[in-house]
Amino acid sequence: MMSALHSKLVREMTADCSVIACRFPLPCEPSQTIGEGLDTVWLYKHSDVMRYSASVNHRGDGRTQSESQS
């Protein structure tokens, strides 16, 4: 589910955008992590999302090439 959200963010985020996620992290490295366990919150900036996107081959359905082959 979070991979699909990540793909949506890649398509729709603007350069000045940030995303805060709780309970479930996105598949990319966050700019900041606050808390731990169930109380963890992740802050993702546009550059975090785009950096991860450039490092994998996305199919457009939220899955990477390796995920689609399984």
PDB file of N, CA and C in Angstrom:
ATOM      1  N   MET A   1       0.818  -1.190   0.000  1.00  0.00           N
ATOM      2  CA  MET A   1       0.000   0.000   0.000  1.00  0.00           C
ATOM      3  C   MET A   1       0.868   1.262   0.000  1.00  0.00           C
ATOM      4  N   MET A   2       1.922   1.297   0.806  1.00  0.00           N
ATOM      5  CA  MET A   2       2.744   2.509   0.873  1.00  0.00           C
ATOM      6  C   MET A   2       3.551   2.707  -0.408  1.00  0.00           C
ATOM      7  N   SER A   3       3.876   1.628  -1.113  1.00  0.00           N
ATOM      8  CA  SER A   3       4.561   1.766  -2.401  1.00  0.00           C
ATOM      9  C   SER A   3       3.656   2.446  -3.420  1.00  0.00           C
ATOM     10  N   ALA A   4       2.373   2.111  -3.395  1.00  0.00           N
ATOM     11  CA  ALA A   4       1.413   2.758  -4.296  1.00  0.00           C
ATOM     12  C   ALA A   4       1.282   4.240  -3.961  1.00  0.00           C
ATOM     13  N   LEU A   5       1.268   4.560  -2.677  1.00  0.00           N
ATOM     14  CA  LEU A   5       1.212   5.965  -2.260  1.00  0.00           C
ATOM     15  C   LEU A   5       2.477   6.694  -2.701  1.00  0.00           C
ATOM     16  N   HIS A   6       3.622   6.036  -2.572  1.00  0.00           N
ATOM     17  CA  HIS A   6       4.876   6.647  -3.001  1.00  0.00           C
ATOM     18  C   HIS A   6       4.819   6.987  -4.492  1.00  0.00           C
ATOM     19  N   SER A   7       4.328   6.081  -5.308  1.00  0.00           N
ATOM     20  CA  SER A   7       4.213   6.339  -6.746  1.00  0.00           C
ATOM     21  C   SER A   7       3.316   7.537  -7.026  1.00  0.00           C
ATOM     22  N   LYS A   8       2.239   7.659  -6.288  1.00  0.00           N
ATOM     23  CA  LYS A   8       1.335   8.800  -6.428  1.00  0.00           C
ATOM     24  C   LYS A   8       2.046  10.104  -6.058  1.00  0.00           C
ATOM     25  N   LEU A   9       2.827  10.058  -4.986  1.00  0.00           N
ATOM     26  CA  LEU A   9       3.574  11.247  -4.570  1.00  0.00           C
ATOM     27  C   LEU A   9       4.595  11.661  -5.627  1.00  0.00           C
ATOM     28  N   VAL A  10       5.248  10.685  -6.238  1.00  0.00           N
ATOM     29  CA  VAL A  10       6.218  10.991  -7.296  1.00  0.00           C
ATOM     30  C   VAL A  10       5.528  11.751  -8.425  1.00  0.00           C
ATOM     31  N   ARG A  11       4.326  11.344  -8.766  1.00  0.00           N
ATOM     32  CA  ARG A  11       3.588  11.998  -9.858  1.00  0.00           C
ATOM     33  C   ARG A  11       3.051  13.373  -9.473  1.00  0.00           C
ATOM     34  N   GLU A  12       2.683  13.568  -8.204  1.00  0.00           N
ATOM     35  CA  GLU A  12       1.908  14.757  -7.854  1.00  0.00           C
ATOM     36  C   GLU A  12       2.583  15.768  -6.919  1.00  0.00           C
ATOM     37  N   MET A  13       3.686  15.380  -6.253  1.00  0.00           N
ATOM     38  CA  MET A  13       4.322  16.315  -5.310  1.00  0.00           C
ATOM     39  C   MET A  13       4.997  17.467  -6.040  1.00  0.00           C
ATOM     40  N   THR A  14       4.859  18.660  -5.478  1.00  0.00           N
ATOM     41  CA  THR A  14       5.600  19.815  -5.977  1.00  0.00           C
ATOM     42  C   THR A  14       6.861  19.981  -5.131  1.00  0.00           C
ATOM     43  N   ALA A  15       7.793  20.780  -5.610  1.00  0.00           N
ATOM     44  CA  ALA A  15       9.100  20.919  -4.960  1.00  0.00           C
ATOM     45  C   ALA A  15       9.015  21.457  -3.531  1.00  0.00           C
ATOM     46  N   ASP A  16       7.980  22.190  -3.200  1.00  0.00           N
ATOM     47  CA  ASP A  16       7.870  22.778  -1.854  1.00  0.00           C
ATOM     48  C   ASP A  16       7.013  21.921  -0.911  1.00  0.00           C
ATOM     49  N   CYS A  17       6.679  20.722  -1.346  1.00  0.00           N
ATOM     50  CA  CYS A  17       5.779  19.849  -0.599  1.00  0.00           C
ATOM     51  C   CYS A  17       6.531  18.960   0.390  1.00  0.00           C
ATOM     52  N   SER A  18       5.881  18.660   1.519  1.00  0.00           N
ATOM     53  CA  SER A  18       6.363  17.688   2.493  1.00  0.00           C
ATOM     54  C   SER A  18       5.200  16.774   2.856  1.00  0.00           C
ATOM     55  N   VAL A  19       5.530  15.555   3.293  1.00  0.00           N
ATOM     56  CA  VAL A  19       4.519  14.578   3.691  1.00  0.00           C
ATOM     57  C   VAL A  19       4.902  14.041   5.057  1.00  0.00           C
ATOM     58  N   ILE A  20       3.917  13.912   5.926  1.00  0.00           N
ATOM     59  CA  ILE A  20       4.114  13.304   7.235  1.00  0.00           C
ATOM     60  C   ILE A  20       3.329  12.005   7.249  1.00  0.00           C
ATOM     61  N   ALA A  21       4.001  10.918   7.624  1.00  0.00           N
ATOM     62  CA  ALA A  21       3.357   9.603   7.707  1.00  0.00           C
ATOM     63  C   ALA A  21       3.470   9.088   9.135  1.00  0.00           C
ATOM     64  N   CYS A  22       2.438   8.411   9.582  1.00  0.00           N
ATOM     65  CA  CYS A  22       2.497   7.774  10.897  1.00  0.00           C
ATOM     66  C   CYS A  22       2.047   6.325  10.754  1.00  0.00           C
ATOM     67  N   ARG A  23       2.540   5.486  11.648  1.00  0.00           N
ATOM     68  CA  ARG A  23       2.263   4.048  11.690  1.00  0.00           C
ATOM     69  C   ARG A  23       2.953   3.259  10.585  1.00  0.00           C
ATOM     70  N   PHE A  24       2.953   3.750   9.333  1.00  0.00           N
ATOM     71  CA  PHE A  24       3.552   3.027   8.226  1.00  0.00           C
ATOM     72  C   PHE A  24       4.458   3.961   7.436  1.00  0.00           C
ATOM     73  N   PRO A  25       5.754   3.636   7.319  1.00  0.00           N
ATOM     74  CA  PRO A  25       6.670   4.504   6.567  1.00  0.00           C
ATOM     75  C   PRO A  25       6.555   4.285   5.065  1.00  0.00           C
ATOM     76  N   LEU A  26       6.954   5.281   4.316  1.00  0.00           N
ATOM     77  CA  LEU A  26       7.086   5.134   2.872  1.00  0.00           C
ATOM     78  C   LEU A  26       8.345   4.321   2.596  1.00  0.00           C
ATOM     79  N   PRO A  27       8.505   3.798   1.383  1.00  0.00           N
ATOM     80  CA  PRO A  27       9.676   2.972   1.090  1.00  0.00           C
ATOM     81  C   PRO A  27      10.958   3.773   0.850  1.00  0.00           C
ATOM     82  N   CYS A  28      10.965   5.055   1.154  1.00  0.00           N
ATOM     83  CA  CYS A  28      12.169   5.862   0.963  1.00  0.00           C
ATOM     84  C   CYS A  28      12.685   6.378   2.308  1.00  0.00           C
ATOM     85  N   GLU A  29      13.915   6.865   2.314  1.00  0.00           N
ATOM     86  CA  GLU A  29      14.554   7.372   3.526  1.00  0.00           C
ATOM     87  C   GLU A  29      13.946   8.731   3.895  1.00  0.00           C
ATOM     88  N   PRO A  30      13.440   8.897   5.116  1.00  0.00           N
ATOM     89  CA  PRO A  30      12.829  10.162   5.514  1.00  0.00           C
ATOM     90  C   PRO A  30      13.876  11.216   5.876  1.00  0.00           C
ATOM     91  N   SER A  31      13.469  12.470   5.836  1.00  0.00           N
ATOM     92  CA  SER A  31      14.323  13.564   6.300  1.00  0.00           C
ATOM     93  C   SER A  31      14.443  13.547   7.806  1.00  0.00           C
ATOM     94  N   GLN A  32      13.369  13.115   8.460  1.00  0.00           N
ATOM     95  CA  GLN A  32      13.366  13.113   9.920  1.00  0.00           C
ATOM     96  C   GLN A  32      12.428  12.020  10.432  1.00  0.00           C
ATOM     97  N   THR A  33      12.842  11.368  11.521  1.00  0.00           N
ATOM     98  CA  THR A  33      12.010  10.380  12.205  1.00  0.00           C
ATOM     99  C   THR A  33      11.829  10.849  13.634  1.00  0.00           C
ATOM    100  N   ILE A  34      10.591  10.872  14.092  1.00  0.00           N
ATOM    101  CA  ILE A  34      10.274  11.338  15.439  1.00  0.00           C
ATOM    102  C   ILE A  34       9.538  10.218  16.167  1.00  0.00           C
ATOM    103  N   GLY A  35       9.940   9.925  17.385  1.00  0.00           N
ATOM    104  CA  GLY A  35       9.284   8.905  18.175  1.00  0.00           C
ATOM    105  C   GLY A  35       9.784   7.519  17.838  1.00  0.00           C
ATOM    106  N   GLU A  36       9.107   6.517  18.420  1.00  0.00           N
ATOM    107  CA  GLU A  36       9.471   5.132  18.163  1.00  0.00           C
ATOM    108  C   GLU A  36       8.267   4.237  18.366  1.00  0.00           C
ATOM    109  N   GLY A  37       8.354   3.019  17.834  1.00  0.00           N
ATOM    110  CA  GLY A  37       7.243   2.081  17.942  1.00  0.00           C
ATOM    111  C   GLY A  37       5.997   2.587  17.239  1.00  0.00           C
ATOM    112  N   LEU A  38       4.843   2.372  17.858  1.00  0.00           N
ATOM    113  CA  LEU A  38       3.576   2.809  17.259  1.00  0.00           C
ATOM    114  C   LEU A  38       3.441   4.324  17.180  1.00  0.00           C
ATOM    115  N   ASP A  39       4.265   5.033  17.939  1.00  0.00           N
ATOM    116  CA  ASP A  39       4.204   6.495  17.949  1.00  0.00           C
ATOM    117  C   ASP A  39       5.188   7.140  16.977  1.00  0.00           C
ATOM    118  N   THR A  40       5.791   6.356  16.100  1.00  0.00           N
ATOM    119  CA  THR A  40       6.760   6.908  15.149  1.00  0.00           C
ATOM    120  C   THR A  40       6.055   7.739  14.080  1.00  0.00           C
ATOM    121  N   VAL A  41       6.666   8.867  13.751  1.00  0.00           N
ATOM    122  CA  VAL A  41       6.195   9.750  12.686  1.00  0.00           C
ATOM    123  C   VAL A  41       7.391  10.020  11.773  1.00  0.00           C
ATOM    124  N   TRP A  42       7.168   9.956  10.461  1.00  0.00           N
ATOM    125  CA  TRP A  42       8.224  10.187   9.488  1.00  0.00           C
ATOM    126  C   TRP A  42       7.904  11.427   8.666  1.00  0.00           C
ATOM    127  N   LEU A  43       8.911  12.279   8.472  1.00  0.00           N
ATOM    128  CA  LEU A  43       8.781  13.467   7.639  1.00  0.00           C
ATOM    129  C   LEU A  43       9.551  13.222   6.345  1.00  0.00           C
ATOM    130  N   TYR A  44       8.852  13.347   5.230  1.00  0.00           N
ATOM    131  CA  TYR A  44       9.468  13.180   3.917  1.00  0.00           C
ATOM    132  C   TYR A  44       9.357  14.498   3.158  1.00  0.00           C
ATOM    133  N   LYS A  45      10.470  14.953   2.640  1.00  0.00           N
ATOM    134  CA  LYS A  45      10.485  16.134   1.780  1.00  0.00           C
ATOM    135  C   LYS A  45      10.484  15.659   0.331  1.00  0.00           C
ATOM    136  N   HIS A  46      10.177  16.567  -0.551  1.00  0.00           N
ATOM    137  CA  HIS A  46      10.131  16.268  -1.983  1.00  0.00           C
ATOM    138  C   HIS A  46      11.408  15.565  -2.434  1.00  0.00           C
ATOM    139  N   SER A  47      12.562  16.043  -1.996  1.00  0.00           N
ATOM    140  CA  SER A  47      13.839  15.458  -2.417  1.00  0.00           C
ATOM    141  C   SER A  47      13.988  14.008  -1.951  1.00  0.00           C
ATOM    142  N   ASP A  48      13.451  13.653  -0.786  1.00  0.00           N
ATOM    143  CA  ASP A  48      13.517  12.274  -0.292  1.00  0.00           C
ATOM    144  C   ASP A  48      12.752  11.340  -1.222  1.00  0.00           C
ATOM    145  N   VAL A  49      11.555  11.765  -1.595  1.00  0.00           N
ATOM    146  CA  VAL A  49      10.681  10.952  -2.450  1.00  0.00           C
ATOM    147  C   VAL A  49      11.294  10.797  -3.838  1.00  0.00           C
ATOM    148  N   MET A  50      11.815  11.879  -4.390  1.00  0.00           N
ATOM    149  CA  MET A  50      12.370  11.832  -5.741  1.00  0.00           C
ATOM    150  C   MET A  50      13.686  11.063  -5.782  1.00  0.00           C
ATOM    151  N   ARG A  51      14.499  11.154  -4.745  1.00  0.00           N
ATOM    152  CA  ARG A  51      15.770  10.431  -4.697  1.00  0.00           C
ATOM    153  C   ARG A  51      15.511   8.923  -4.765  1.00  0.00           C
ATOM    154  N   TYR A  52      14.547   8.448  -3.987  1.00  0.00           N
ATOM    155  CA  TYR A  52      14.217   7.027  -3.989  1.00  0.00           C
ATOM    156  C   TYR A  52      13.656   6.619  -5.355  1.00  0.00           C
ATOM    157  N   SER A  53      12.818   7.456  -5.907  1.00  0.00           N
ATOM    158  CA  SER A  53      12.199   7.155  -7.193  1.00  0.00           C
ATOM    159  C   SER A  53      13.250   6.970  -8.281  1.00  0.00           C
ATOM    160  N   ALA A  54      14.290   7.775  -8.233  1.00  0.00           N
ATOM    161  CA  ALA A  54      15.344   7.687  -9.240  1.00  0.00           C
ATOM    162  C   ALA A  54      16.175   6.414  -9.079  1.00  0.00           C
ATOM    163  N   SER A  55      16.152   5.817  -7.881  1.00  0.00           N
ATOM    164  CA  SER A  55      16.996   4.651  -7.622  1.00  0.00           C
ATOM    165  C   SER A  55      16.322   3.316  -7.940  1.00  0.00           C
ATOM    166  N   VAL A  56      15.035   3.320  -8.256  1.00  0.00           N
ATOM    167  CA  VAL A  56      14.330   2.078  -8.590  1.00  0.00           C
ATOM    168  C   VAL A  56      13.606   2.229  -9.917  1.00  0.00           C
ATOM    169  N   ASN A  57      13.275   1.109 -10.510  1.00  0.00           N
ATOM    170  CA  ASN A  57      12.560   1.113 -11.788  1.00  0.00           C
ATOM    171  C   ASN A  57      11.081   0.913 -11.516  1.00  0.00           C
ATOM    172  N   HIS A  58      10.306   1.995 -11.478  1.00  0.00           N
ATOM    173  CA  HIS A  58       8.879   1.902 -11.190  1.00  0.00           C
ATOM    174  C   HIS A  58       8.100   1.526 -12.436  1.00  0.00           C
ATOM    175  N   ARG A  59       7.110   0.666 -12.232  1.00  0.00           N
ATOM    176  CA  ARG A  59       6.225   0.225 -13.307  1.00  0.00           C
ATOM    177  C   ARG A  59       5.032   1.148 -13.486  1.00  0.00           C
ATOM    178  N   GLY A  60       4.757   2.035 -12.500  1.00  0.00           N
ATOM    179  CA  GLY A  60       3.601   2.903 -12.592  1.00  0.00           C
ATOM    180  C   GLY A  60       2.432   2.412 -11.763  1.00  0.00           C
ATOM    181  N   ASP A  61       2.510   1.176 -11.230  1.00  0.00           N
ATOM    182  CA  ASP A  61       1.426   0.655 -10.396  1.00  0.00           C
ATOM    183  C   ASP A  61       1.825   0.622  -8.929  1.00  0.00           C
ATOM    184  N   GLY A  62       2.908   1.309  -8.585  1.00  0.00           N
ATOM    185  CA  GLY A  62       3.340   1.358  -7.196  1.00  0.00           C
ATOM    186  C   GLY A  62       4.321   0.272  -6.816  1.00  0.00           C
ATOM    187  N   ARG A  63       4.623  -0.639  -7.756  1.00  0.00           N
ATOM    188  CA  ARG A  63       5.547  -1.718  -7.461  1.00  0.00           C
ATOM    189  C   ARG A  63       6.843  -1.521  -8.241  1.00  0.00           C
ATOM    190  N   THR A  64       7.939  -1.952  -7.663  1.00  0.00           N
ATOM    191  CA  THR A  64       9.202  -1.901  -8.379  1.00  0.00           C
ATOM    192  C   THR A  64       9.266  -3.067  -9.354  1.00  0.00           C
ATOM    193  N   GLN A  65      10.231  -3.066 -10.221  1.00  0.00           N
ATOM    194  CA  GLN A  65      10.399  -4.139 -11.190  1.00  0.00           C
ATOM    195  C   GLN A  65      10.551  -5.485 -10.499  1.00  0.00           C
ATOM    196  N   SER A  66      11.332  -5.550  -9.408  1.00  0.00           N
ATOM    197  CA  SER A  66      11.523  -6.828  -8.712  1.00  0.00           C
ATOM    198  C   SER A  66      10.249  -7.306  -8.044  1.00  0.00           C
ATOM    199  N   GLU A  67       9.427  -6.404  -7.539  1.00  0.00           N
ATOM    200  CA  GLU A  67       8.149  -6.794  -6.918  1.00  0.00           C
ATOM    201  C   GLU A  67       7.187  -7.353  -7.944  1.00  0.00           C
ATOM    202  N   SER A  68       7.223  -6.831  -9.161  1.00  0.00           N
ATOM    203  CA  SER A  68       6.286  -7.255 -10.188  1.00  0.00           C
ATOM    204  C   SER A  68       6.619  -8.637 -10.722  1.00  0.00           C
ATOM    205  N   GLN A  69       7.861  -9.075 -10.538  1.00  0.00           N
ATOM    206  CA  GLN A  69       8.263 -10.372 -11.040  1.00  0.00           C
ATOM    207  C   GLN A  69       7.945 -11.494 -10.083  1.00  0.00           C
ATOM    208  N   SER A  70       7.560 -11.179  -8.834  1.00  0.00           N
ATOM    209  CA  SER A  70       7.249 -12.241  -7.854  1.00  0.00           C
ATOM    210  C   SER A  70       5.787 -12.586  -7.851  1.00  0.00           C
TER     211      SER A  70
END
